[in-house]
Amino acid sequence: MQTPTCTTSTRSSRRPTEIYSSSCLRKGCSESTKKKLDKEYLVVSGISHPGIINVVDWIQTDNTYGLGLEFAPFGNLREAMFTQFSQIRGMSKFIMFRQIVSAVEFLHNAGMAHLNIRPGSVMVFKKWCLVKLSGFDHVVKVNPKRLCRLFDLHAISTPPEVFKKKPYHPQKADIWALGSLFFYILTGDYLQKDTGFSLDRLVFPCLKGCDWDDKRGALEILNCALFPVAHRRPEASQLMRRFKFFGL
């Protein structure tokens, strides 16, 4: 993989308060970590979508090796929801998730899979109305004739087929991760196996102020995205159509 062109200092044309440095590492980091940063830079700098974070600078000096991304005032979604979950209204949850689905749809249409969709990879720019997808160090190009064998995924975004250590379709794994992320946005908690509760009993109490059709739409999106059989999960474009169908 081609190494990105690097700057020789950590300074940027923007003010320091406008820079969110997602990966700024000290000298001596492993070559595998550097390769992940190189991959993230090449992916993010080569695409443009309102739901995907932008590159501010590539940083390489004697002391640092890292990637500078645009500043997200509220940090990542996990941090923001941990402190302010009670302030998020029902429709704001749908707005945030729809932006991420749109970004994933864009990636899938470009022949890629993200494989790292989780609360820590979603950056919050405006309170509960503007979020962007980040964390592109696991991105793979999709080969229709070959299944993926990358198994070191984050537990939160790992579908059943990956836990079984079997080759899998990476874009279908992304759909499962989207369902898991949607559950987190709706409930403020991570999806657990064998909870003993149906999804509606877990999700509906967290959608105060939403009418029945909104709740039914959210439940249908969850059920299809989290379907245990990978090939029966919808495409990202189909998830977007379901949002439009339910008016979400």
Protein backbone atom coordinates (compact mmCIF):
# COMPACT_ATOMS: atom_id res chain seq x y z
CA MET A 1 0.00 0.00 0.00
CA GLN A 2 1.29 3.41 -0.90
CA THR A 3 2.34 5.56 2.04
CA PRO A 4 0.50 8.89 2.19
CA THR A 5 2.32 12.15 1.75
CA CYS A 6 3.11 13.43 5.23
CA THR A 7 3.67 16.81 6.77
CA THR A 8 6.83 17.51 8.72
CA SER A 9 5.18 19.22 11.66
CA THR A 10 2.02 18.90 13.70
CA ARG A 11 0.88 22.40 12.74
CA SER A 12 -2.11 22.90 10.48
CA SER A 13 -3.74 25.86 8.79
CA ARG A 14 -6.65 25.41 11.20
CA ARG A 15 -6.63 26.39 14.85
CA PRO A 16 -5.72 23.55 17.27
CA THR A 17 -9.25 23.64 18.71
CA GLU A 18 -10.60 22.68 15.29
CA ILE A 19 -8.55 19.50 15.03
CA TYR A 20 -9.63 16.15 16.38
CA SER A 21 -6.61 13.86 16.26
CA SER A 22 -8.06 10.36 16.06
CA SER A 23 -4.75 8.52 16.00
CA CYS A 24 -1.64 10.38 17.14
CA LEU A 25 0.99 7.87 18.15
CA ARG A 26 4.47 8.16 19.59
CA LYS A 27 7.59 7.08 17.78
CA GLY A 28 8.10 3.35 17.98
CA CYS A 29 4.55 2.18 17.24
CA SER A 30 4.33 -1.17 15.47
CA GLU A 31 4.43 -1.47 11.70
CA SER A 32 0.97 -3.10 11.74
CA THR A 33 -0.46 -0.06 13.52
CA LYS A 34 1.19 2.26 11.00
CA LYS A 35 -0.31 0.24 8.16
CA LYS A 36 -3.77 0.64 9.70
CA LEU A 37 -3.28 4.40 9.89
CA ASP A 38 -2.04 4.47 6.31
CA LYS A 39 -5.14 2.55 5.21
CA GLU A 40 -7.49 4.87 7.12
CA TYR A 41 -5.84 7.92 5.56
CA LEU A 42 -6.04 6.56 2.02
CA VAL A 43 -9.69 5.53 2.41
CA VAL A 44 -10.99 8.71 4.06
CA SER A 45 -9.00 11.12 1.87
CA GLY A 46 -10.28 9.40 -1.25
CA ILE A 47 -14.02 9.68 -0.57
CA SER A 48 -16.45 12.50 0.06
CA HIS A 49 -19.81 12.07 1.76
CA PRO A 50 -21.62 14.26 4.34
CA GLY A 51 -21.83 11.31 6.71
CA ILE A 52 -18.10 10.43 6.56
CA ILE A 53 -15.46 12.30 8.56
CA ASN A 54 -12.90 14.44 6.71
CA VAL A 55 -9.11 14.36 6.94
CA VAL A 56 -7.50 17.54 8.30
CA ASP A 57 -3.85 16.52 8.19
CA TRP A 58 -1.42 13.64 8.07
CA ILE A 59 1.18 14.00 10.83
CA GLN A 60 4.64 12.46 10.89
CA THR A 61 7.48 13.88 12.96
CA ASP A 62 10.27 12.48 15.11
CA ASN A 63 7.79 12.01 17.96
CA THR A 64 4.44 11.35 16.34
CA TYR A 65 2.87 9.33 13.58
CA GLY A 66 -0.81 9.88 13.20
CA LEU A 67 -3.93 10.98 11.43
CA GLY A 68 -5.69 14.28 12.12
CA LEU A 69 -9.42 14.36 11.44
CA GLU A 70 -11.90 17.22 11.60
CA PHE A 71 -12.81 18.26 15.12
CA ALA A 72 -15.93 16.66 16.61
CA PRO A 73 -17.06 18.97 19.47
CA PHE A 74 -18.96 16.24 21.33
CA GLY A 75 -16.46 13.43 20.81
CA ASN A 76 -17.66 10.01 19.76
CA LEU A 77 -21.16 8.66 20.23
CA ARG A 78 -20.22 6.44 23.17
CA GLU A 79 -18.82 9.40 25.12
CA ALA A 80 -21.73 11.70 24.22
CA MET A 81 -24.45 9.21 25.10
CA PHE A 82 -22.77 8.15 28.32
CA THR A 83 -23.19 11.64 29.76
CA GLN A 84 -26.30 12.92 27.95
CA PHE A 85 -28.45 9.96 26.90
CA SER A 86 -31.49 11.25 28.81
CA GLN A 87 -31.49 14.42 26.66
CA ILE A 88 -31.93 12.61 23.34
CA ARG A 89 -35.46 12.68 21.98
CA GLY A 90 -36.88 9.79 20.00
CA MET A 91 -36.77 11.35 16.53
CA SER A 92 -33.19 12.55 17.07
CA LYS A 93 -32.18 8.91 17.43
CA PHE A 94 -33.65 8.13 14.02
CA ILE A 95 -31.94 11.17 12.47
CA MET A 96 -28.51 10.11 13.77
CA PHE A 97 -28.85 6.51 12.68
CA ARG A 98 -30.15 7.41 9.24
CA GLN A 99 -26.99 9.47 8.59
CA ILE A 100 -24.79 6.49 9.43
CA VAL A 101 -26.85 4.15 7.23
CA SER A 102 -26.45 6.65 4.38
CA ALA A 103 -22.66 6.66 4.87
CA VAL A 104 -22.52 2.85 4.91
CA GLU A 105 -24.72 2.69 1.81
CA PHE A 106 -22.21 4.98 0.07
CA LEU A 107 -19.30 2.73 1.07
CA HIS A 108 -21.11 -0.42 -0.04
CA ASN A 109 -21.99 1.10 -3.40
CA ALA A 110 -18.28 1.91 -3.81
CA GLY A 111 -17.44 -1.78 -3.30
CA MET A 112 -16.17 -1.50 0.28
CA ALA A 113 -17.15 -2.75 3.73
CA HIS A 114 -16.40 -0.83 6.94
CA LEU A 115 -16.15 -3.69 9.49
CA ASN A 116 -15.75 -1.34 12.45
CA ILE A 117 -19.22 0.17 12.93
CA ARG A 118 -19.69 0.88 16.63
CA PRO A 119 -20.42 3.84 18.95
CA GLY A 120 -16.72 4.69 19.21
CA SER A 121 -16.52 5.07 15.41
CA VAL A 122 -19.37 7.60 15.18
CA MET A 123 -18.37 11.23 15.80
CA VAL A 124 -20.92 13.77 17.05
CA PHE A 125 -20.68 17.25 15.48
CA LYS A 126 -23.99 18.82 16.45
CA LYS A 127 -26.02 17.61 19.38
CA TRP A 128 -28.11 14.71 18.15
CA CYS A 129 -28.54 16.04 14.61
CA LEU A 130 -25.16 15.69 12.85
CA VAL A 131 -22.94 12.62 13.16
CA LYS A 132 -20.23 11.20 10.91
CA LEU A 133 -18.70 7.77 10.48
CA SER A 134 -15.02 7.32 11.37
CA GLY A 135 -12.72 4.39 12.24
CA PHE A 136 -11.78 3.19 8.75
CA ASP A 137 -8.76 1.07 9.69
CA HIS A 138 -10.66 -2.21 9.06
CA VAL A 139 -12.09 -1.28 5.65
CA VAL A 140 -11.89 -4.03 3.01
CA LYS A 141 -12.60 -4.09 -0.71
CA VAL A 142 -15.40 -6.50 -1.45
CA ASN A 143 -14.69 -9.33 -3.88
CA PRO A 144 -17.97 -10.96 -4.95
CA LYS A 145 -16.13 -14.24 -5.57
CA ARG A 146 -14.32 -14.36 -2.24
CA LEU A 147 -15.57 -14.25 1.35
CA CYS A 148 -13.80 -12.29 4.10
CA ARG A 149 -11.48 -13.95 6.63
CA LEU A 150 -10.80 -10.96 8.88
CA PHE A 151 -11.85 -12.10 12.37
CA ASP A 152 -10.25 -9.54 14.73
CA LEU A 153 -13.32 -7.28 14.78
CA HIS A 154 -14.58 -5.27 17.73
CA ALA A 155 -16.96 -7.42 19.80
CA ILE A 156 -19.74 -4.83 19.53
CA SER A 157 -19.77 -5.03 15.73
CA THR A 158 -19.26 -8.78 15.38
CA PRO A 159 -22.13 -10.83 13.89
CA PRO A 160 -22.75 -14.51 14.72
CA GLU A 161 -20.99 -15.84 11.62
CA VAL A 162 -17.73 -14.07 12.55
CA PHE A 163 -17.81 -15.49 16.08
CA LYS A 164 -17.89 -18.93 14.46
CA LYS A 165 -14.61 -18.14 12.65
CA LYS A 166 -16.11 -18.95 9.27
CA PRO A 167 -15.57 -16.92 6.07
CA TYR A 168 -18.33 -14.33 5.74
CA HIS A 169 -19.71 -11.60 3.51
CA PRO A 170 -18.26 -8.33 4.90
CA GLN A 171 -21.16 -6.09 3.83
CA LYS A 172 -23.67 -8.37 5.55
CA ALA A 173 -21.48 -8.12 8.66
CA ASP A 174 -21.80 -4.32 8.39
CA ILE A 175 -25.59 -4.64 8.38
CA TRP A 176 -25.48 -6.61 11.62
CA ALA A 177 -23.20 -3.95 13.12
CA LEU A 178 -25.69 -1.26 12.02
CA GLY A 179 -28.45 -3.11 13.84
CA SER A 180 -26.32 -3.34 16.96
CA LEU A 181 -25.52 0.37 16.69
CA PHE A 182 -29.20 1.24 16.25
CA PHE A 183 -30.04 -0.74 19.38
CA TYR A 184 -27.38 1.23 21.27
CA ILE A 185 -28.70 4.56 19.99
CA LEU A 186 -32.26 3.64 20.97
CA THR A 187 -31.55 2.17 24.40
CA GLY A 188 -28.18 3.54 25.50
CA ASP A 189 -27.01 -0.03 26.12
CA TYR A 190 -25.13 -2.67 24.17
CA LEU A 191 -27.01 -5.57 22.65
CA GLN A 192 -26.58 -8.68 24.79
CA LYS A 193 -27.23 -12.26 23.78
CA ASP A 194 -29.98 -14.15 25.63
CA THR A 195 -31.39 -11.13 27.44
CA GLY A 196 -34.66 -12.96 28.06
CA PHE A 197 -36.60 -10.02 26.65
CA SER A 198 -37.97 -9.43 23.17
CA LEU A 199 -36.64 -6.40 21.30
CA ASP A 200 -39.89 -4.50 21.64
CA ARG A 201 -39.82 -4.74 25.45
CA LEU A 202 -36.26 -3.38 25.42
CA VAL A 203 -36.71 -0.67 22.79
CA PHE A 204 -40.24 0.74 23.16
CA PRO A 205 -39.73 2.28 26.64
CA CYS A 206 -36.81 4.27 25.18
CA LEU A 207 -38.95 5.84 22.44
CA LYS A 208 -41.07 8.17 24.53
CA GLY A 209 -42.77 10.80 22.42
CA CYS A 210 -42.77 8.62 19.29
CA ASP A 211 -46.03 7.34 17.86
CA TRP A 212 -46.79 3.68 17.23
CA ASP A 213 -45.77 3.74 13.56
CA ASP A 214 -42.32 5.09 14.50
CA LYS A 215 -41.87 2.36 17.09
CA ARG A 216 -43.03 -0.32 14.67
CA GLY A 217 -40.61 0.98 12.03
CA ALA A 218 -37.69 0.95 14.47
CA LEU A 219 -38.51 -2.60 15.53
CA GLU A 220 -38.72 -3.85 11.93
CA ILE A 221 -35.37 -2.26 11.05
CA LEU A 222 -33.77 -3.89 14.10
CA ASN A 223 -35.23 -7.31 13.38
CA CYS A 224 -34.10 -7.40 9.75
CA ALA A 225 -30.62 -5.96 10.41
CA LEU A 226 -29.99 -8.36 13.30
CA PHE A 227 -31.25 -11.43 11.48
CA PRO A 228 -29.00 -14.36 12.47
CA VAL A 229 -28.75 -15.73 8.91
CA ALA A 230 -26.43 -13.36 7.04
CA HIS A 231 -27.80 -13.70 3.50
CA ARG A 232 -31.30 -12.75 4.70
CA ARG A 233 -30.19 -9.40 6.05
CA PRO A 234 -31.08 -6.44 3.81
CA GLU A 235 -28.66 -4.30 1.84
CA ALA A 236 -27.83 -0.86 3.21
CA SER A 237 -29.90 0.68 0.39
CA GLN A 238 -32.88 -1.42 1.49
CA LEU A 239 -32.49 -0.12 5.05
CA MET A 240 -32.63 3.43 3.69
CA ARG A 241 -35.82 2.58 1.80
CA ARG A 242 -37.36 1.24 5.00
CA PHE A 243 -36.60 4.55 6.70
CA LYS A 244 -38.40 6.38 3.92
CA PHE A 245 -41.31 3.92 3.99
CA PHE A 246 -41.87 4.53 7.68
CA GLY A 247 -41.21 8.25 7.37
CA LEU A 248 -38.26 8.08 9.77
